[in-house]
C-alpha atoms as a PDB file:
ATOM      1  CA  MET A   1     -86.723  43.505   6.916  1.00  0.00           C
ATOM      2  CA  LYS A   2     -83.941  40.923   6.664  1.00  0.00           C
ATOM      3  CA  ASP A   3     -83.314  38.535   9.527  1.00  0.00           C
ATOM      4  CA  TRP A   4     -79.854  37.431   8.431  1.00  0.00           C
ATOM      5  CA  ALA A   5     -76.304  38.770   8.480  1.00  0.00           C
ATOM      6  CA  VAL A   6     -73.051  38.301   6.559  1.00  0.00           C
ATOM      7  CA  GLN A   7     -69.738  37.932   8.368  1.00  0.00           C
ATOM      8  CA  GLY A   8     -66.184  37.594   7.173  1.00  0.00           C
ATOM      9  CA  PRO A   9     -63.780  37.159   5.634  1.00  0.00           C
ATOM     10  CA  LEU A  10     -62.778  34.199   7.778  1.00  0.00           C
ATOM     11  CA  LEU A  11     -60.371  31.307   7.293  1.00  0.00           C
ATOM     12  CA  ASN A  12     -60.722  27.692   8.458  1.00  0.00           C
ATOM     13  CA  GLN A  13     -64.430  27.427   7.647  1.00  0.00           C
ATOM     14  CA  SER A  14     -64.532  24.040   5.889  1.00  0.00           C
ATOM     15  CA  ALA A  15     -66.329  22.316   8.789  1.00  0.00           C
ATOM     16  CA  VAL A  16     -69.114  24.906   8.601  1.00  0.00           C
ATOM     17  CA  CYS A  17     -69.334  24.922   4.788  1.00  0.00           C
ATOM     18  CA  GLU A  18     -69.149  21.191   4.041  1.00  0.00           C
ATOM     19  CA  PRO A  19     -72.657  20.394   5.367  1.00  0.00           C
ATOM     20  CA  ILE A  20     -74.061  23.188   3.195  1.00  0.00           C
ATOM     21  CA  LEU A  21     -72.353  21.786   0.089  1.00  0.00           C
ATOM     22  CA  ARG A  22     -73.631  18.302   0.883  1.00  0.00           C
ATOM     23  CA  SER A  23     -77.167  19.658   1.298  1.00  0.00           C
ATOM     24  CA  LEU A  24     -77.085  20.801  -2.369  1.00  0.00           C
ATOM     25  CA  PRO A  25     -76.612  17.619  -4.445  1.00  0.00           C
ATOM     26  CA  LEU A  26     -78.189  19.172  -7.551  1.00  0.00           C
ATOM     27  CA  TRP A  27     -75.225  21.569  -7.676  1.00  0.00           C
ATOM     28  CA  PHE A  28     -72.545  19.661  -5.766  1.00  0.00           C
ATOM     29  CA  GLY A  29     -73.166  16.023  -6.582  1.00  0.00           C
ATOM     30  CA  ILE A  30     -69.638  14.997  -7.585  1.00  0.00           C
ATOM     31  CA  GLU A  31     -67.887  13.661  -4.492  1.00  0.00           C
ATOM     32  CA  GLU A  32     -64.352  14.395  -5.711  1.00  0.00           C
ATOM     33  CA  ALA A  33     -65.327  18.023  -6.338  1.00  0.00           C
ATOM     34  CA  VAL A  34     -66.895  18.386  -2.881  1.00  0.00           C
ATOM     35  CA  VAL A  35     -63.743  17.005  -1.258  1.00  0.00           C
ATOM     36  CA  GLU A  36     -61.585  19.461  -3.245  1.00  0.00           C
ATOM     37  CA  TYR A  37     -63.847  22.404  -2.346  1.00  0.00           C
ATOM     38  CA  VAL A  38     -63.763  21.487   1.350  1.00  0.00           C
ATOM     39  CA  ARG A  39     -59.967  21.223   1.251  1.00  0.00           C
ATOM     40  CA  ALA A  40     -59.671  24.616  -0.476  1.00  0.00           C
ATOM     41  CA  ILE A  41     -62.181  26.421   1.769  1.00  0.00           C
ATOM     42  CA  GLU A  42     -59.958  25.773   4.774  1.00  0.00           C
ATOM     43  CA  HIS A  43     -57.363  28.215   3.409  1.00  0.00           C
ATOM     44  CA  LEU A  44     -59.514  30.709   1.506  1.00  0.00           C
ATOM     45  CA  PRO A  45     -61.202  33.920   2.638  1.00  0.00           C
ATOM     46  CA  THR A  46     -64.793  32.892   3.260  1.00  0.00           C
ATOM     47  CA  PHE A  47     -67.872  34.941   4.041  1.00  0.00           C
ATOM     48  CA  LEU A  48     -70.723  33.318   5.955  1.00  0.00           C
ATOM     49  CA  ALA A  49     -74.440  34.104   5.883  1.00  0.00           C
ATOM     50  CA  ALA A  50     -76.280  33.453   9.147  1.00  0.00           C
ATOM     51  CA  ALA A  51     -80.051  33.218   9.504  1.00  0.00           C
ATOM     52  CA  ASP A  52     -82.159  32.036  12.402  1.00  0.00           C
ATOM     53  CA  GLY A  53     -79.036  31.600  14.514  1.00  0.00           C
ATOM     54  CA  ARG A  54     -77.218  29.232  12.148  1.00  0.00           C
ATOM     55  CA  ILE A  55     -74.922  29.441   9.128  1.00  0.00           C
ATOM     56  CA  VAL A  56     -76.990  28.840   5.987  1.00  0.00           C
ATOM     57  CA  GLY A  57     -74.691  30.036   3.219  1.00  0.00           C
ATOM     58  CA  PHE A  58     -71.131  30.945   2.294  1.00  0.00           C
ATOM     59  CA  ILE A  59     -68.851  32.193  -0.454  1.00  0.00           C
ATOM     60  CA  SER A  60     -65.130  31.381  -0.704  1.00  0.00           C
ATOM     61  CA  LEU A  61     -62.745  33.454  -2.790  1.00  0.00           C
ATOM     62  CA  LYS A  62     -59.508  32.573  -4.528  1.00  0.00           C
ATOM     63  CA  GLU A  63     -57.232  35.517  -5.234  1.00  0.00           C
ATOM     64  CA  HIS A  64     -55.284  34.706  -8.410  1.00  0.00           C
ATOM     65  CA  PHE A  65     -53.443  38.010  -8.829  1.00  0.00           C
ATOM     66  CA  ALA A  66     -53.601  41.444  -7.186  1.00  0.00           C
ATOM     67  CA  GLU A  67     -56.021  42.461  -9.936  1.00  0.00           C
ATOM     68  CA  SER A  68     -58.252  39.391 -10.106  1.00  0.00           C
ATOM     69  CA  ALA A  69     -60.088  36.936  -7.899  1.00  0.00           C
ATOM     70  CA  GLU A  70     -62.554  34.111  -8.313  1.00  0.00           C
ATOM     71  CA  ILE A  71     -65.635  32.887  -6.521  1.00  0.00           C
ATOM     72  CA  LEU A  72     -64.260  29.399  -6.078  1.00  0.00           C
ATOM     73  CA  VAL A  73     -67.403  28.053  -4.451  1.00  0.00           C
ATOM     74  CA  MET A  74     -70.646  29.394  -3.066  1.00  0.00           C
ATOM     75  CA  GLY A  75     -73.569  27.589  -1.490  1.00  0.00           C
ATOM     76  CA  ILE A  76     -76.798  28.518   0.242  1.00  0.00           C
ATOM     77  CA  ARG A  77     -79.166  25.993   1.771  1.00  0.00           C
ATOM     78  CA  ILE A  78     -82.061  25.580  -0.627  1.00  0.00           C
ATOM     79  CA  GLU A  79     -84.697  26.706   1.881  1.00  0.00           C
ATOM     80  CA  HIS A  80     -82.906  30.071   1.958  1.00  0.00           C
ATOM     81  CA  HIS A  81     -82.679  30.578  -1.817  1.00  0.00           C
ATOM     82  CA  ARG A  82     -84.240  33.735  -3.290  1.00  0.00           C
ATOM     83  CA  GLN A  83     -84.053  35.699  -0.027  1.00  0.00           C
ATOM     84  CA  GLY A  84     -81.155  37.983  -0.939  1.00  0.00           C
ATOM     85  CA  LEU A  85     -78.409  36.036   0.843  1.00  0.00           C
ATOM     86  CA  GLY A  86     -76.543  35.138  -2.354  1.00  0.00           C
ATOM     87  CA  ARG A  87     -76.600  38.726  -3.537  1.00  0.00           C
ATOM     88  CA  ALA A  88     -75.446  39.930  -0.112  1.00  0.00           C
ATOM     89  CA  LEU A  89     -72.580  37.419  -0.045  1.00  0.00           C
ATOM     90  CA  VAL A  90     -71.360  38.390  -3.527  1.00  0.00           C
ATOM     91  CA  GLU A  91     -71.699  42.112  -2.797  1.00  0.00           C
ATOM     92  CA  ARG A  92     -69.838  41.821   0.518  1.00  0.00           C
ATOM     93  CA  ALA A  93     -67.081  39.777  -1.118  1.00  0.00           C
ATOM     94  CA  ALA A  94     -66.813  42.292  -3.989  1.00  0.00           C
ATOM     95  CA  GLU A  95     -66.643  45.184  -1.515  1.00  0.00           C
ATOM     96  CA  TRP A  96     -63.794  43.467   0.358  1.00  0.00           C
ATOM     97  CA  LEU A  97     -61.948  42.716  -2.890  1.00  0.00           C
ATOM     98  CA  ARG A  98     -62.333  46.334  -4.058  1.00  0.00           C
ATOM     99  CA  SER A  99     -60.800  47.507  -0.768  1.00  0.00           C
ATOM    100  CA  ARG A 100     -57.780  45.362  -1.651  1.00  0.00           C
ATOM    101  CA  GLY A 101     -57.495  46.854  -5.155  1.00  0.00           C
ATOM    102  CA  THR A 102     -58.936  43.880  -7.013  1.00  0.00           C
ATOM    103  CA  GLU A 103     -60.363  44.893 -10.390  1.00  0.00           C
ATOM    104  CA  TYR A 104     -62.058  41.732 -11.677  1.00  0.00           C
ATOM    105  CA  LEU A 105     -64.077  38.918 -10.163  1.00  0.00           C
ATOM    106  CA  GLN A 106     -64.740  35.698 -12.032  1.00  0.00           C
ATOM    107  CA  VAL A 107     -66.811  32.604 -11.484  1.00  0.00           C
ATOM    108  CA  LYS A 108     -66.810  29.285 -13.289  1.00  0.00           C
ATOM    109  CA  THR A 109     -70.109  27.470 -13.683  1.00  0.00           C
ATOM    110  CA  LEU A 110     -71.710  24.813 -15.846  1.00  0.00           C
ATOM    111  CA  SER A 111     -72.016  25.961 -19.452  1.00  0.00           C
ATOM    112  CA  PRO A 112     -75.424  26.199 -21.154  1.00  0.00           C
ATOM    113  CA  ALA A 113     -73.972  23.692 -23.647  1.00  0.00           C
ATOM    114  CA  ARG A 114     -75.140  21.117 -21.096  1.00  0.00           C
ATOM    115  CA  PRO A 115     -78.787  21.879 -20.333  1.00  0.00           C
ATOM    116  CA  ASN A 116     -79.470  21.902 -16.603  1.00  0.00           C
ATOM    117  CA  GLU A 117     -82.303  23.750 -14.867  1.00  0.00           C
ATOM    118  CA  GLU A 118     -80.398  24.436 -11.642  1.00  0.00           C
ATOM    119  CA  TYR A 119     -77.376  25.834 -13.433  1.00  0.00           C
ATOM    120  CA  ALA A 120     -79.569  27.914 -15.739  1.00  0.00           C
ATOM    121  CA  ARG A 121     -80.799  29.614 -12.543  1.00  0.00           C
ATOM    122  CA  THR A 122     -77.204  29.923 -11.323  1.00  0.00           C
ATOM    123  CA  ARG A 123     -76.138  31.666 -14.543  1.00  0.00           C
ATOM    124  CA  ALA A 124     -79.171  33.978 -14.367  1.00  0.00           C
ATOM    125  CA  PHE A 125     -78.238  34.842 -10.766  1.00  0.00           C
ATOM    126  CA  TYR A 126     -74.694  35.809 -11.727  1.00  0.00           C
ATOM    127  CA  ARG A 127     -75.900  37.727 -14.786  1.00  0.00           C
ATOM    128  CA  ALA A 128     -78.297  39.731 -12.569  1.00  0.00           C
ATOM    129  CA  LEU A 129     -75.280  40.675 -10.419  1.00  0.00           C
ATOM    130  CA  GLY A 130     -73.371  42.028 -13.421  1.00  0.00           C
ATOM    131  CA  PHE A 131     -71.312  38.995 -14.408  1.00  0.00           C
ATOM    132  CA  ARG A 132     -70.944  38.415 -18.139  1.00  0.00           C
ATOM    133  CA  PRO A 133     -69.906  35.299 -20.055  1.00  0.00           C
ATOM    134  CA  LEU A 134     -66.262  35.480 -21.086  1.00  0.00           C
ATOM    135  CA  GLU A 135     -65.258  32.073 -22.371  1.00  0.00           C
ATOM    136  CA  GLU A 136     -66.423  28.492 -22.560  1.00  0.00           C
ATOM    137  CA  PHE A 137     -64.038  25.632 -21.768  1.00  0.00           C
ATOM    138  CA  PRO A 138     -65.546  22.340 -23.026  1.00  0.00           C
ATOM    139  CA  LEU A 139     -62.985  20.150 -21.221  1.00  0.00           C
ATOM    140  CA  PHE A 140     -62.066  22.243 -18.155  1.00  0.00           C
ATOM    141  CA  TRP A 141     -63.724  19.832 -15.723  1.00  0.00           C
ATOM    142  CA  ASP A 142     -64.584  16.998 -18.092  1.00  0.00           C
ATOM    143  CA  GLU A 143     -66.493  16.312 -21.291  1.00  0.00           C
ATOM    144  CA  ALA A 144     -69.818  15.877 -19.451  1.00  0.00           C
ATOM    145  CA  ASN A 145     -69.433  19.172 -17.577  1.00  0.00           C
ATOM    146  CA  PRO A 146     -68.389  22.025 -19.880  1.00  0.00           C
ATOM    147  CA  CYS A 147     -67.322  25.159 -18.043  1.00  0.00           C
ATOM    148  CA  LEU A 148     -68.508  28.721 -18.579  1.00  0.00           C
ATOM    149  CA  GLN A 149     -66.286  31.480 -17.204  1.00  0.00           C
ATOM    150  CA  MET A 150     -68.160  34.655 -16.239  1.00  0.00           C
ATOM    151  CA  VAL A 151     -66.521  37.917 -15.175  1.00  0.00           C
ATOM    152  CA  LYS A 152     -67.466  41.171 -13.513  1.00  0.00           C
ATOM    153  CA  ALA A 153     -65.495  44.408 -13.325  1.00  0.00           C
ATOM    154  CA  LEU A 154     -65.289  45.627  -9.718  1.00  0.00           C
ATOM    155  CA  ARG A 155     -64.520  49.272 -10.477  1.00  0.00           C
END
């Protein structure tokens, strides 16, 4: 039996999400990126995962067009990894997007061209949820951090 819940979408959640991002330096270790995520979260639909009476994870969405949206950023405190919260957040976000007529959901993550154990797990997580690699962008972020775009049909 799960002892957590997902709520949202909510706006103005940067103050709640920033400590989670900062607790995950293996994924969010570039200060400029964290600052940009925090700024964006304030205005984006965000779903929160609560466990043990506190917020332990979130997902923020960016709607690009009526037909497509992106998981701009998602984070779950490491002690709550592999408990179903990430799956629940993505599924709840996808359900909400479907209700709005959105057809595709994308996520950008570190490409396998740069070996990294944490991001290999991240890509496996998204693949298990039905996301598929679409395109690699070697210079999207910078030369040291090639980007992999993954997509999922929401139909």
